Every structure is written in C-alpha cells, then in structure tokens.
Amino acid sequence: MARTLAVVVLTGLHKLPSGVKAGFWLPDAAYTWLALHSAGWRVVAVSTREGRPAQQGVDRSDPVQRGFLGDPGILRALEETARPESLDADRVGVLVFAGGVGALWDLPGDRCLAELTGRVVSGGGWVAACCQGVAALLNVRLPNGTPFVKERRLTAFSQHEEQILGIRGPLQLQKELAGLGARYSSNEPFRPHVVRDGRLITGQNPASLPKLSRLLTRLKTS
C-alpha cells in the first residue's frame, strides 16, 4: 500500500486552563505543510478535537504564512481537521507535529495519537516535530514497550526559552525528554537548531523551520 499521506498534527486547545488563548503555532504548520505539498505528498490535518483549530503566531509579512493562509485548499483542510483514529496508518508516510503552548497540554495525553505515531514509526514512516510539538512523542512506544525517544538524538523548545518567555506548562519538555533517555541538544535561545536521527527530524524553535522544511522537501512518497 502506497504511503502517500502526510499528516500535520495540531493542538486542539483554544484556551489554556488559565483562560489564556491557545492554538497551534501557525508558522510551524505553514512551513512544513507547504514543503510536504511541494514534494508531492497529500497533506491533511489532525488534532485532538475535530473542526478548525485555533491558531497563533500569525505574521502576514511572511510570504510563507501568506501563501498558507491564502490557499483555499489548505483552509478547507483545516475546517475538516479530524481525530487521529480516522486515519489509515498504513497510508501515512510522514507525521509532523506543530508547536504552540497548547501542545504541551493535549498532545502527550492523546492515546489515539500515540498509537497512530507508533504504527507509522513501526511501518517505516517519517516523524518530524518543531518546538512544543515534540511533546507528542513523550508517550509513543515501540512494539517492545521502549519509549520511541530513548537514545534518539533530538531537540525541542528549550527550558531556557520557556523561562525567557514565561511559559509555564504542565510539564518541562526538555526535562521530560531527558528523563526518557533522549539525547537532547539545543542551540542558544531562539537560534536555529535542527537534528535528524534516522527518520526523526526535530527543530528547536520557529527559527529552525526553514532548515527543517528543506529536509522535508527531500522525503519521497512510497
């Protein structure tokens, strides 16, 4: 069965428990979505809740984001955002996890999302994540029960960056990854840093998106 489907995973939270507005970080979705589409993948969106997710971080002076927001097909796909269990994992060749503070709350605890990711990984698919989106990997397990991130070289939004921005989530992502045995690395705050380990590609922060997206354009459908 051909794995021609690329899935961009978005947080479904519209508000944090504190009442602060939340949503997926739009640049994460825009750069990766357009890169995958240009490489020939059919791209769809999934989230922890159905329907159009909230978005944050919009900068219309960025031509990539303008192109994303101005594409009727993409906007229609966002309106049709589905739950992970609606997908056939055997058709998914790439999973991309977008960031946004809300991702720290809902992505790690979504059992169906973790199962989908595990099946894609076991089937030889690619996984990419940026910023807080890496939190989705915390509860993914290999068939033998080993955490997917164990001994993996990766990056994610750093604890230092969280402190600078005053982010107080339900977990400290850098610490959680290290606790699972991941080989975490980072650059200085808000400087680009991308790590590839086999079929896992991670970016530390939004500044890493151009390089991460270039790597995605080289992935081939199968």
N, C-alpha and C. Protein backbone atom coordinates (compact mmCIF):
# COMPACT_ATOMS: atom_id res chain seq x y z
N MET A 1 0.84 -1.20 0.00
CA MET A 1 0.00 0.00 0.00
C MET A 1 0.88 1.24 0.00
N ALA A 2 0.58 2.17 -0.88
CA ALA A 2 1.39 3.38 -1.01
C ALA A 2 1.20 4.30 0.20
N ARG A 3 2.31 4.77 0.73
CA ARG A 3 2.27 5.74 1.83
C ARG A 3 2.44 7.14 1.24
N THR A 4 1.35 7.69 0.76
CA THR A 4 1.39 8.99 0.08
C THR A 4 0.81 10.12 0.92
N LEU A 5 0.41 9.81 2.16
CA LEU A 5 -0.27 10.79 3.00
C LEU A 5 0.71 11.38 4.02
N ALA A 6 0.72 12.70 4.10
CA ALA A 6 1.47 13.42 5.13
C ALA A 6 0.46 14.07 6.07
N VAL A 7 0.69 13.96 7.35
CA VAL A 7 -0.26 14.43 8.35
C VAL A 7 0.40 15.50 9.21
N VAL A 8 -0.21 16.67 9.27
CA VAL A 8 0.24 17.73 10.16
C VAL A 8 -0.66 17.72 11.39
N VAL A 9 -0.07 17.51 12.55
CA VAL A 9 -0.81 17.36 13.81
C VAL A 9 -0.80 18.69 14.56
N LEU A 10 -2.00 19.14 14.96
CA LEU A 10 -2.17 20.45 15.58
C LEU A 10 -2.84 20.31 16.95
N THR A 11 -2.42 21.12 17.90
CA THR A 11 -3.11 21.15 19.18
C THR A 11 -4.56 21.56 18.99
N GLY A 12 -5.44 20.95 19.76
CA GLY A 12 -6.86 21.28 19.66
C GLY A 12 -7.32 22.28 20.70
N LEU A 13 -6.40 22.73 21.56
CA LEU A 13 -6.79 23.66 22.62
C LEU A 13 -7.01 25.07 22.07
N HIS A 14 -8.12 25.67 22.46
CA HIS A 14 -8.38 27.06 22.13
C HIS A 14 -8.03 27.97 23.32
N LYS A 15 -8.07 27.39 24.52
CA LYS A 15 -7.70 28.13 25.73
C LYS A 15 -6.95 27.20 26.66
N LEU A 16 -5.97 27.76 27.35
CA LEU A 16 -5.27 27.01 28.39
C LEU A 16 -6.15 26.95 29.64
N PRO A 17 -5.84 26.07 30.58
CA PRO A 17 -6.62 26.02 31.82
C PRO A 17 -6.70 27.37 32.54
N SER A 18 -5.71 28.22 32.33
CA SER A 18 -5.70 29.55 32.96
C SER A 18 -6.65 30.52 32.29
N GLY A 19 -7.18 30.14 31.12
CA GLY A 19 -8.04 31.02 30.36
C GLY A 19 -7.33 31.78 29.26
N VAL A 20 -6.01 31.68 29.22
CA VAL A 20 -5.23 32.34 28.17
C VAL A 20 -5.48 31.66 26.84
N LYS A 21 -5.62 32.45 25.78
CA LYS A 21 -5.87 31.88 24.46
C LYS A 21 -4.73 30.99 24.02
N ALA A 22 -5.07 29.92 23.33
CA ALA A 22 -4.07 28.97 22.83
C ALA A 22 -4.37 28.67 21.37
N GLY A 23 -3.60 27.76 20.80
CA GLY A 23 -3.77 27.37 19.42
C GLY A 23 -2.45 26.87 18.87
N PHE A 24 -2.49 26.28 17.67
CA PHE A 24 -1.24 25.82 17.08
C PHE A 24 -0.45 27.02 16.57
N TRP A 25 0.89 26.87 16.54
CA TRP A 25 1.76 27.94 16.07
C TRP A 25 1.76 27.91 14.56
N LEU A 26 1.13 28.91 13.97
CA LEU A 26 0.88 28.88 12.53
C LEU A 26 2.14 28.71 11.68
N PRO A 27 3.26 29.38 12.00
CA PRO A 27 4.45 29.16 11.16
C PRO A 27 4.87 27.68 11.10
N ASP A 28 4.74 26.95 12.21
CA ASP A 28 5.11 25.53 12.21
C ASP A 28 4.31 24.76 11.16
N ALA A 29 3.01 25.04 11.12
CA ALA A 29 2.15 24.35 10.16
C ALA A 29 2.41 24.84 8.74
N ALA A 30 2.56 26.15 8.57
CA ALA A 30 2.69 26.72 7.23
C ALA A 30 3.95 26.22 6.52
N TYR A 31 5.08 26.31 7.20
CA TYR A 31 6.33 25.92 6.55
C TYR A 31 6.36 24.43 6.23
N THR A 32 5.93 23.61 7.16
CA THR A 32 6.02 22.17 6.93
C THR A 32 4.97 21.70 5.94
N TRP A 33 3.76 22.23 6.03
CA TRP A 33 2.69 21.84 5.11
C TRP A 33 3.09 22.14 3.67
N LEU A 34 3.53 23.36 3.41
CA LEU A 34 3.87 23.74 2.04
C LEU A 34 5.08 22.97 1.52
N ALA A 35 6.02 22.66 2.41
CA ALA A 35 7.18 21.87 2.00
C ALA A 35 6.76 20.47 1.58
N LEU A 36 5.91 19.85 2.35
CA LEU A 36 5.45 18.50 2.02
C LEU A 36 4.62 18.49 0.75
N HIS A 37 3.75 19.48 0.61
CA HIS A 37 2.93 19.56 -0.60
C HIS A 37 3.81 19.71 -1.84
N SER A 38 4.85 20.52 -1.74
CA SER A 38 5.74 20.73 -2.89
C SER A 38 6.50 19.46 -3.25
N ALA A 39 6.67 18.57 -2.27
CA ALA A 39 7.38 17.31 -2.51
C ALA A 39 6.45 16.21 -3.02
N GLY A 40 5.16 16.52 -3.19
CA GLY A 40 4.24 15.55 -3.78
C GLY A 40 3.36 14.79 -2.81
N TRP A 41 3.41 15.13 -1.54
CA TRP A 41 2.57 14.46 -0.55
C TRP A 41 1.16 15.06 -0.55
N ARG A 42 0.18 14.22 -0.24
CA ARG A 42 -1.17 14.72 0.03
C ARG A 42 -1.23 15.02 1.52
N VAL A 43 -1.46 16.27 1.86
CA VAL A 43 -1.35 16.72 3.25
C VAL A 43 -2.73 16.91 3.87
N VAL A 44 -2.91 16.38 5.08
CA VAL A 44 -4.14 16.56 5.83
C VAL A 44 -3.79 16.99 7.25
N ALA A 45 -4.78 17.47 7.97
CA ALA A 45 -4.58 17.91 9.35
C ALA A 45 -5.36 17.01 10.31
N VAL A 46 -4.75 16.69 11.44
CA VAL A 46 -5.47 16.04 12.53
C VAL A 46 -5.20 16.80 13.81
N SER A 47 -6.07 16.60 14.78
CA SER A 47 -5.94 17.29 16.05
C SER A 47 -6.60 16.46 17.14
N THR A 48 -6.49 16.92 18.36
CA THR A 48 -7.12 16.24 19.48
C THR A 48 -8.62 16.50 19.51
N ARG A 49 -9.10 17.42 18.66
CA ARG A 49 -10.53 17.66 18.54
C ARG A 49 -10.84 17.97 17.08
N GLU A 50 -12.03 17.59 16.64
CA GLU A 50 -12.42 17.81 15.25
C GLU A 50 -12.74 19.28 15.00
N GLY A 51 -12.70 19.65 13.72
CA GLY A 51 -13.05 21.02 13.35
C GLY A 51 -11.84 21.93 13.30
N ARG A 52 -12.08 23.17 12.95
CA ARG A 52 -10.97 24.10 12.75
C ARG A 52 -10.29 24.46 14.06
N PRO A 53 -8.99 24.22 14.17
CA PRO A 53 -8.27 24.57 15.40
C PRO A 53 -7.92 26.05 15.44
N ALA A 54 -7.72 26.57 16.63
CA ALA A 54 -7.27 27.94 16.79
C ALA A 54 -5.81 28.05 16.38
N GLN A 55 -5.40 29.25 15.99
CA GLN A 55 -4.03 29.46 15.55
C GLN A 55 -3.43 30.67 16.24
N GLN A 56 -2.11 30.64 16.38
CA GLN A 56 -1.37 31.74 16.98
C GLN A 56 -0.10 31.99 16.18
N GLY A 57 0.53 33.12 16.46
CA GLY A 57 1.82 33.41 15.85
C GLY A 57 1.76 33.85 14.40
N VAL A 58 0.61 34.38 13.97
CA VAL A 58 0.44 34.76 12.57
C VAL A 58 1.24 36.02 12.24
N ASP A 59 2.00 35.95 11.15
CA ASP A 59 2.75 37.10 10.66
C ASP A 59 2.54 37.18 9.15
N ARG A 60 1.63 38.03 8.73
CA ARG A 60 1.28 38.11 7.31
C ARG A 60 2.36 38.79 6.47
N SER A 61 3.39 39.33 7.11
CA SER A 61 4.51 39.86 6.34
C SER A 61 5.42 38.73 5.83
N ASP A 62 5.23 37.54 6.36
CA ASP A 62 5.99 36.36 5.95
C ASP A 62 5.30 35.75 4.73
N PRO A 63 5.97 35.68 3.58
CA PRO A 63 5.32 35.15 2.38
C PRO A 63 4.88 33.70 2.51
N VAL A 64 5.59 32.91 3.31
CA VAL A 64 5.18 31.51 3.50
C VAL A 64 3.84 31.45 4.22
N GLN A 65 3.71 32.24 5.28
CA GLN A 65 2.44 32.25 6.01
C GLN A 65 1.31 32.83 5.16
N ARG A 66 1.61 33.86 4.37
CA ARG A 66 0.59 34.42 3.49
C ARG A 66 0.12 33.38 2.48
N GLY A 67 1.05 32.63 1.94
CA GLY A 67 0.69 31.59 0.98
C GLY A 67 -0.17 30.52 1.61
N PHE A 68 0.15 30.17 2.84
CA PHE A 68 -0.63 29.16 3.58
C PHE A 68 -2.05 29.65 3.83
N LEU A 69 -2.17 30.86 4.35
CA LEU A 69 -3.48 31.40 4.70
C LEU A 69 -4.30 31.79 3.48
N GLY A 70 -3.64 31.97 2.35
CA GLY A 70 -4.35 32.35 1.15
C GLY A 70 -4.71 31.19 0.24
N ASP A 71 -4.42 29.97 0.68
CA ASP A 71 -4.70 28.79 -0.14
C ASP A 71 -6.06 28.21 0.25
N PRO A 72 -7.06 28.27 -0.63
CA PRO A 72 -8.40 27.77 -0.29
C PRO A 72 -8.40 26.29 0.07
N GLY A 73 -7.54 25.50 -0.57
CA GLY A 73 -7.48 24.07 -0.26
C GLY A 73 -7.00 23.81 1.15
N ILE A 74 -6.00 24.59 1.58
CA ILE A 74 -5.49 24.43 2.94
C ILE A 74 -6.53 24.87 3.96
N LEU A 75 -7.18 25.98 3.71
CA LEU A 75 -8.21 26.46 4.63
C LEU A 75 -9.35 25.47 4.74
N ARG A 76 -9.70 24.84 3.63
CA ARG A 76 -10.75 23.82 3.66
C ARG A 76 -10.30 22.61 4.46
N ALA A 77 -9.02 22.22 4.28
CA ALA A 77 -8.48 21.09 5.03
C ALA A 77 -8.49 21.36 6.53
N LEU A 78 -8.20 22.61 6.93
CA LEU A 78 -8.22 22.95 8.35
C LEU A 78 -9.64 22.88 8.91
N GLU A 79 -10.62 23.28 8.11
CA GLU A 79 -12.01 23.17 8.55
C GLU A 79 -12.41 21.72 8.78
N GLU A 80 -11.74 20.81 8.05
CA GLU A 80 -12.08 19.39 8.11
C GLU A 80 -11.11 18.61 8.98
N THR A 81 -10.38 19.31 9.85
CA THR A 81 -9.43 18.63 10.74
C THR A 81 -10.13 17.50 11.50
N ALA A 82 -9.49 16.34 11.48
CA ALA A 82 -10.11 15.13 12.04
C ALA A 82 -9.33 14.63 13.25
N ARG A 83 -9.89 13.65 13.90
CA ARG A 83 -9.22 12.95 15.00
C ARG A 83 -8.23 11.93 14.43
N PRO A 84 -7.17 11.58 15.16
CA PRO A 84 -6.16 10.64 14.65
C PRO A 84 -6.72 9.28 14.27
N GLU A 85 -7.72 8.79 14.99
CA GLU A 85 -8.22 7.45 14.73
C GLU A 85 -8.96 7.33 13.41
N SER A 86 -9.24 8.47 12.76
CA SER A 86 -9.93 8.43 11.47
C SER A 86 -8.99 8.06 10.32
N LEU A 87 -7.69 8.05 10.57
CA LEU A 87 -6.72 7.80 9.52
C LEU A 87 -6.32 6.34 9.43
N ASP A 88 -5.97 5.92 8.23
CA ASP A 88 -5.39 4.60 7.99
C ASP A 88 -3.87 4.75 8.12
N ALA A 89 -3.32 4.24 9.21
CA ALA A 89 -1.89 4.43 9.47
C ALA A 89 -1.02 3.85 8.37
N ASP A 90 -1.52 2.85 7.65
CA ASP A 90 -0.74 2.23 6.59
C ASP A 90 -0.54 3.15 5.40
N ARG A 91 -1.32 4.22 5.33
CA ARG A 91 -1.17 5.18 4.23
C ARG A 91 -0.34 6.39 4.61
N VAL A 92 0.00 6.51 5.89
CA VAL A 92 0.72 7.69 6.37
C VAL A 92 2.23 7.48 6.24
N GLY A 93 2.86 8.35 5.46
CA GLY A 93 4.31 8.27 5.30
C GLY A 93 5.06 9.26 6.15
N VAL A 94 4.39 10.37 6.54
CA VAL A 94 5.02 11.42 7.34
C VAL A 94 4.03 11.95 8.36
N LEU A 95 4.51 12.10 9.58
CA LEU A 95 3.76 12.78 10.63
C LEU A 95 4.56 14.00 11.05
N VAL A 96 3.93 15.16 11.08
CA VAL A 96 4.59 16.39 11.53
C VAL A 96 3.79 16.97 12.69
N PHE A 97 4.46 17.26 13.78
CA PHE A 97 3.81 17.81 14.97
C PHE A 97 4.17 19.29 15.09
N ALA A 98 3.17 20.15 14.94
CA ALA A 98 3.38 21.59 15.09
C ALA A 98 3.39 21.97 16.56
N GLY A 99 4.05 23.08 16.85
CA GLY A 99 4.12 23.56 18.22
C GLY A 99 2.98 24.50 18.57
N GLY A 100 3.23 25.28 19.61
CA GLY A 100 2.20 26.08 20.25
C GLY A 100 2.10 25.61 21.68
N VAL A 101 1.95 26.52 22.62
CA VAL A 101 1.97 26.14 24.04
C VAL A 101 0.92 25.09 24.35
N GLY A 102 -0.24 25.16 23.69
CA GLY A 102 -1.29 24.18 23.95
C GLY A 102 -0.86 22.76 23.70
N ALA A 103 0.13 22.57 22.83
CA ALA A 103 0.61 21.22 22.52
C ALA A 103 1.14 20.51 23.76
N LEU A 104 1.64 21.28 24.73
CA LEU A 104 2.15 20.66 25.96
C LEU A 104 1.04 20.04 26.78
N TRP A 105 -0.19 20.54 26.62
CA TRP A 105 -1.32 20.04 27.39
C TRP A 105 -1.99 18.83 26.74
N ASP A 106 -2.28 18.92 25.43
CA ASP A 106 -3.15 17.88 24.88
C ASP A 106 -2.47 16.82 24.03
N LEU A 107 -1.35 17.15 23.39
CA LEU A 107 -0.75 16.14 22.51
C LEU A 107 -0.17 14.93 23.25
N PRO A 108 0.56 15.11 24.37
CA PRO A 108 1.15 13.94 25.02
C PRO A 108 0.11 12.95 25.55
N GLY A 109 -1.05 13.45 25.97
CA GLY A 109 -2.03 12.58 26.61
C GLY A 109 -3.04 11.95 25.68
N ASP A 110 -2.91 12.18 24.38
CA ASP A 110 -3.88 11.62 23.44
C ASP A 110 -3.45 10.21 23.04
N ARG A 111 -4.14 9.22 23.57
CA ARG A 111 -3.77 7.81 23.36
C ARG A 111 -3.84 7.44 21.88
N CYS A 112 -4.87 7.89 21.19
CA CYS A 112 -5.03 7.55 19.77
C CYS A 112 -3.90 8.14 18.93
N LEU A 113 -3.48 9.34 19.29
CA LEU A 113 -2.37 9.97 18.58
C LEU A 113 -1.07 9.19 18.80
N ALA A 114 -0.84 8.77 20.03
CA ALA A 114 0.36 7.99 20.34
C ALA A 114 0.35 6.66 19.59
N GLU A 115 -0.81 6.03 19.50
CA GLU A 115 -0.92 4.76 18.78
C GLU A 115 -0.67 4.95 17.29
N LEU A 116 -1.24 6.01 16.72
CA LEU A 116 -1.01 6.30 15.30
C LEU A 116 0.48 6.52 15.05
N THR A 117 1.11 7.29 15.91
CA THR A 117 2.54 7.57 15.73
C THR A 117 3.35 6.29 15.82
N GLY A 118 3.03 5.45 16.78
CA GLY A 118 3.74 4.18 16.91
C GLY A 118 3.61 3.31 15.68
N ARG A 119 2.44 3.28 15.09
CA ARG A 119 2.22 2.46 13.89
C ARG A 119 2.97 3.04 12.70
N VAL A 120 2.99 4.36 12.58
CA VAL A 120 3.73 4.99 11.47
C VAL A 120 5.22 4.71 11.62
N VAL A 121 5.72 4.84 12.84
CA VAL A 121 7.14 4.57 13.10
C VAL A 121 7.47 3.12 12.78
N SER A 122 6.65 2.20 13.26
CA SER A 122 6.90 0.78 13.03
C SER A 122 6.82 0.42 11.56
N GLY A 123 6.03 1.18 10.81
CA GLY A 123 5.89 0.92 9.38
C GLY A 123 6.94 1.60 8.52
N GLY A 124 7.90 2.24 9.15
CA GLY A 124 8.98 2.87 8.39
C GLY A 124 8.70 4.28 7.95
N GLY A 125 7.69 4.93 8.55
CA GLY A 125 7.38 6.30 8.19
C GLY A 125 8.31 7.30 8.84
N TRP A 126 8.17 8.55 8.41
CA TRP A 126 8.97 9.65 8.94
C TRP A 126 8.18 10.40 10.00
N VAL A 127 8.90 10.94 10.97
CA VAL A 127 8.30 11.79 12.01
C VAL A 127 9.11 13.07 12.11
N ALA A 128 8.41 14.19 12.12
CA ALA A 128 9.07 15.49 12.30
C ALA A 128 8.28 16.30 13.32
N ALA A 129 8.97 17.15 14.04
CA ALA A 129 8.30 17.97 15.05
C ALA A 129 9.13 19.21 15.30
N CYS A 130 8.43 20.28 15.69
CA CYS A 130 9.12 21.53 16.00
C CYS A 130 8.58 22.11 17.30
N CYS A 131 9.48 22.75 18.04
CA CYS A 131 9.10 23.47 19.26
C CYS A 131 8.39 22.55 20.26
N GLN A 132 7.23 23.00 20.75
CA GLN A 132 6.48 22.21 21.73
C GLN A 132 5.82 20.99 21.10
N GLY A 133 5.78 20.93 19.78
CA GLY A 133 5.18 19.78 19.11
C GLY A 133 5.89 18.48 19.44
N VAL A 134 7.15 18.57 19.84
CA VAL A 134 7.91 17.37 20.20
C VAL A 134 7.28 16.67 21.40
N ALA A 135 6.46 17.39 22.17
CA ALA A 135 5.79 16.78 23.33
C ALA A 135 4.91 15.61 22.92
N ALA A 136 4.44 15.58 21.69
CA ALA A 136 3.59 14.49 21.23
C ALA A 136 4.31 13.15 21.26
N LEU A 137 5.64 13.17 21.30
CA LEU A 137 6.42 11.93 21.26
C LEU A 137 6.64 11.31 22.64
N LEU A 138 6.25 12.01 23.69
CA LEU A 138 6.58 11.54 25.05
C LEU A 138 5.98 10.19 25.38
N ASN A 139 4.78 9.92 24.91
CA ASN A 139 4.12 8.66 25.26
C ASN A 139 4.07 7.67 24.12
N VAL A 140 4.87 7.88 23.09
CA VAL A 140 4.93 6.93 21.97
C VAL A 140 5.87 5.80 22.34
N ARG A 141 5.41 4.59 22.13
CA ARG A 141 6.20 3.41 22.48
C ARG A 141 6.42 2.53 21.25
N LEU A 142 7.57 1.87 21.23
CA LEU A 142 7.85 0.87 20.21
C LEU A 142 7.13 -0.42 20.57
N PRO A 143 7.03 -1.38 19.66
CA PRO A 143 6.31 -2.62 19.96
C PRO A 143 6.80 -3.34 21.21
N ASN A 144 8.08 -3.19 21.56
CA ASN A 144 8.61 -3.84 22.76
C ASN A 144 8.41 -3.02 24.03
N GLY A 145 7.70 -1.89 23.91
CA GLY A 145 7.41 -1.06 25.07
C GLY A 145 8.43 0.03 25.35
N THR A 146 9.52 0.06 24.59
CA THR A 146 10.55 1.07 24.79
C THR A 146 10.05 2.44 24.32
N PRO A 147 10.32 3.50 25.08
CA PRO A 147 9.95 4.83 24.58
C PRO A 147 10.60 5.12 23.24
N PHE A 148 9.84 5.65 22.32
CA PHE A 148 10.36 5.96 20.99
C PHE A 148 11.56 6.88 21.06
N VAL A 149 11.58 7.83 22.00
CA VAL A 149 12.65 8.82 22.05
C VAL A 149 13.92 8.33 22.73
N LYS A 150 13.87 7.16 23.34
CA LYS A 150 15.04 6.67 24.07
C LYS A 150 16.23 6.52 23.15
N GLU A 151 17.36 7.12 23.55
CA GLU A 151 18.61 7.09 22.79
C GLU A 151 18.53 7.83 21.46
N ARG A 152 17.43 8.54 21.21
CA ARG A 152 17.30 9.31 19.97
C ARG A 152 17.93 10.69 20.15
N ARG A 153 18.66 11.12 19.15
CA ARG A 153 19.16 12.50 19.13
C ARG A 153 18.03 13.40 18.65
N LEU A 154 17.73 14.42 19.43
CA LEU A 154 16.62 15.31 19.08
C LEU A 154 16.77 16.65 19.77
N THR A 155 15.88 17.56 19.40
CA THR A 155 15.80 18.86 20.05
C THR A 155 14.34 19.22 20.22
N ALA A 156 14.09 20.30 20.93
CA ALA A 156 12.73 20.82 21.16
C ALA A 156 12.91 22.19 21.81
N PHE A 157 11.81 22.89 21.97
CA PHE A 157 11.85 24.19 22.65
C PHE A 157 12.54 24.00 23.99
N SER A 158 13.57 24.81 24.26
CA SER A 158 14.40 24.58 25.44
C SER A 158 13.79 25.17 26.70
N GLN A 159 14.26 24.66 27.82
CA GLN A 159 13.81 25.18 29.10
C GLN A 159 14.20 26.65 29.25
N HIS A 160 15.35 27.01 28.72
CA HIS A 160 15.80 28.40 28.78
C HIS A 160 14.84 29.29 27.99
N GLU A 161 14.42 28.85 26.83
CA GLU A 161 13.48 29.62 26.02
C GLU A 161 12.14 29.77 26.74
N GLU A 162 11.69 28.69 27.38
CA GLU A 162 10.44 28.76 28.14
C GLU A 162 10.55 29.79 29.26
N GLN A 163 11.70 29.80 29.93
CA GLN A 163 11.89 30.75 31.04
C GLN A 163 11.89 32.19 30.53
N ILE A 164 12.53 32.42 29.41
CA ILE A 164 12.60 33.78 28.86
C ILE A 164 11.20 34.28 28.52
N LEU A 165 10.36 33.40 27.96
CA LEU A 165 9.02 33.79 27.54
C LEU A 165 7.98 33.67 28.66
N GLY A 166 8.39 33.13 29.80
CA GLY A 166 7.47 32.98 30.92
C GLY A 166 6.44 31.89 30.70
N ILE A 167 6.79 30.86 29.94
CA ILE A 167 5.86 29.76 29.68
C ILE A 167 5.85 28.81 30.86
N ARG A 168 4.67 28.56 31.38
CA ARG A 168 4.51 27.61 32.48
C ARG A 168 3.49 26.56 32.06
N GLY A 169 3.98 25.49 31.54
CA GLY A 169 3.12 24.41 31.08
C GLY A 169 2.96 23.33 32.12
N PRO A 170 2.24 22.26 31.78
CA PRO A 170 2.04 21.15 32.70
C PRO A 170 3.26 20.26 32.83
N LEU A 171 4.27 20.51 31.99
CA LEU A 171 5.50 19.72 32.03
C LEU A 171 6.63 20.55 31.46
N GLN A 172 7.86 20.18 31.82
CA GLN A 172 9.05 20.80 31.25
C GLN A 172 9.57 19.85 30.19
N LEU A 173 9.37 20.23 28.94
CA LEU A 173 9.61 19.32 27.84
C LEU A 173 11.05 18.80 27.80
N GLN A 174 12.00 19.70 27.93
CA GLN A 174 13.40 19.28 27.88
C GLN A 174 13.70 18.25 28.97
N LYS A 175 13.19 18.49 30.15
CA LYS A 175 13.43 17.57 31.27
C LYS A 175 12.74 16.23 31.05
N GLU A 176 11.50 16.26 30.53
CA GLU A 176 10.77 15.03 30.28
C GLU A 176 11.47 14.17 29.23
N LEU A 177 11.96 14.80 28.18
CA LEU A 177 12.66 14.05 27.13
C LEU A 177 13.92 13.40 27.68
N ALA A 178 14.69 14.16 28.46
CA ALA A 178 15.91 13.60 29.05
C ALA A 178 15.58 12.44 29.99
N GLY A 179 14.46 12.56 30.71
CA GLY A 179 14.06 11.50 31.62
C GLY A 179 13.70 10.20 30.93
N LEU A 180 13.33 10.29 29.66
CA LEU A 180 13.01 9.09 28.87
C LEU A 180 14.23 8.55 28.14
N GLY A 181 15.36 9.18 28.36
CA GLY A 181 16.58 8.69 27.73
C GLY A 181 16.92 9.31 26.40
N ALA A 182 16.21 10.39 26.02
CA ALA A 182 16.51 11.06 24.76
C ALA A 182 17.84 11.80 24.87
N ARG A 183 18.54 11.90 23.75
CA ARG A 183 19.81 12.62 23.70
C ARG A 183 19.52 14.04 23.20
N TYR A 184 19.05 14.86 24.11
CA TYR A 184 18.60 16.21 23.79
C TYR A 184 19.78 17.15 23.58
N SER A 185 19.64 18.05 22.60
CA SER A 185 20.62 19.12 22.41
C SER A 185 19.89 20.39 22.01
N SER A 186 20.52 21.53 22.20
CA SER A 186 19.89 22.80 21.84
C SER A 186 20.95 23.83 21.48
N ASN A 187 20.51 24.85 20.79
CA ASN A 187 21.34 26.00 20.47
C ASN A 187 21.02 27.09 21.48
N GLU A 188 21.62 28.25 21.32
CA GLU A 188 21.27 29.40 22.14
C GLU A 188 19.80 29.73 21.90
N PRO A 189 19.15 30.38 22.87
CA PRO A 189 17.72 30.68 22.72
C PRO A 189 17.40 31.39 21.41
N PHE A 190 16.39 30.86 20.73
CA PHE A 190 15.81 31.45 19.51
C PHE A 190 16.77 31.45 18.32
N ARG A 191 17.82 30.63 18.40
CA ARG A 191 18.70 30.43 17.26
C ARG A 191 18.35 29.10 16.61
N PRO A 192 18.52 28.97 15.29
CA PRO A 192 18.13 27.74 14.59
C PRO A 192 18.90 26.52 15.08
N HIS A 193 18.19 25.42 15.18
CA HIS A 193 18.83 24.14 15.54
C HIS A 193 17.92 23.01 15.08
N VAL A 194 18.41 22.18 14.18
CA VAL A 194 17.65 21.05 13.65
C VAL A 194 18.48 19.79 13.82
N VAL A 195 17.84 18.73 14.27
CA VAL A 195 18.53 17.45 14.49
C VAL A 195 17.80 16.37 13.71
N ARG A 196 18.56 15.60 12.96
CA ARG A 196 17.99 14.44 12.27
C ARG A 196 18.63 13.18 12.83
N ASP A 197 17.80 12.24 13.22
CA ASP A 197 18.27 10.94 13.70
C ASP A 197 17.44 9.88 12.98
N GLY A 198 18.00 9.27 11.96
CA GLY A 198 17.24 8.31 11.18
C GLY A 198 16.05 8.99 10.52
N ARG A 199 14.85 8.47 10.81
CA ARG A 199 13.63 9.02 10.23
C ARG A 199 12.92 9.98 11.17
N LEU A 200 13.66 10.50 12.14
CA LEU A 200 13.13 11.52 13.05
C LEU A 200 13.85 12.83 12.80
N ILE A 201 13.08 13.90 12.57
CA ILE A 201 13.63 15.24 12.34
C ILE A 201 12.97 16.20 13.31
N THR A 202 13.76 16.91 14.10
CA THR A 202 13.19 17.84 15.08
C THR A 202 13.85 19.21 14.97
N GLY A 203 13.05 20.24 15.25
CA GLY A 203 13.53 21.61 15.25
C GLY A 203 13.30 22.24 16.61
N GLN A 204 14.26 23.04 17.06
CA GLN A 204 14.18 23.61 18.41
C GLN A 204 13.11 24.68 18.55
N ASN A 205 12.95 25.52 17.53
CA ASN A 205 12.12 26.72 17.65
C ASN A 205 11.70 27.19 16.26
N PRO A 206 10.87 28.22 16.15
CA PRO A 206 10.45 28.69 14.82
C PRO A 206 11.60 29.09 13.90
N ALA A 207 12.70 29.57 14.45
CA ALA A 207 13.84 29.93 13.61
C ALA A 207 14.41 28.73 12.88
N SER A 208 14.08 27.54 13.34
CA SER A 208 14.58 26.30 12.74
C SER A 208 13.73 25.83 11.57
N LEU A 209 12.58 26.47 11.35
CA LEU A 209 11.64 25.99 10.35
C LEU A 209 12.18 25.97 8.92
N PRO A 210 12.89 26.98 8.47
CA PRO A 210 13.40 26.91 7.08
C PRO A 210 14.25 25.68 6.82
N LYS A 211 15.18 25.37 7.73
CA LYS A 211 16.03 24.20 7.52
C LYS A 211 15.22 22.91 7.65
N LEU A 212 14.37 22.83 8.66
CA LEU A 212 13.56 21.63 8.84
C LEU A 212 12.70 21.38 7.59
N SER A 213 12.13 22.45 7.05
CA SER A 213 11.27 22.31 5.87
C SER A 213 12.05 21.87 4.65
N ARG A 214 13.27 22.35 4.51
CA ARG A 214 14.11 21.89 3.38
C ARG A 214 14.35 20.40 3.45
N LEU A 215 14.54 19.89 4.66
CA LEU A 215 14.71 18.44 4.81
C LEU A 215 13.43 17.69 4.41
N LEU A 216 12.28 18.26 4.75
CA LEU A 216 11.02 17.61 4.40
C LEU A 216 10.81 17.54 2.90
N THR A 217 11.29 18.52 2.17
CA THR A 217 11.10 18.51 0.72
C THR A 217 11.86 17.37 0.06
N ARG A 218 12.81 16.79 0.76
CA ARG A 218 13.62 15.70 0.19
C ARG A 218 13.04 14.32 0.47
N LEU A 219 11.98 14.28 1.31
CA LEU A 219 11.36 13.00 1.60
C LEU A 219 10.52 12.57 0.39
N LYS A 220 10.57 11.30 0.08
CA LYS A 220 9.86 10.78 -1.08
C LYS A 220 8.65 9.96 -0.66
N THR A 221 7.57 10.09 -1.41
CA THR A 221 6.41 9.22 -1.19
C THR A 221 6.77 7.81 -1.62
N SER A 222 6.09 6.83 -1.05
CA SER A 222 6.38 5.43 -1.39
C SER A 222 5.12 4.61 -1.40
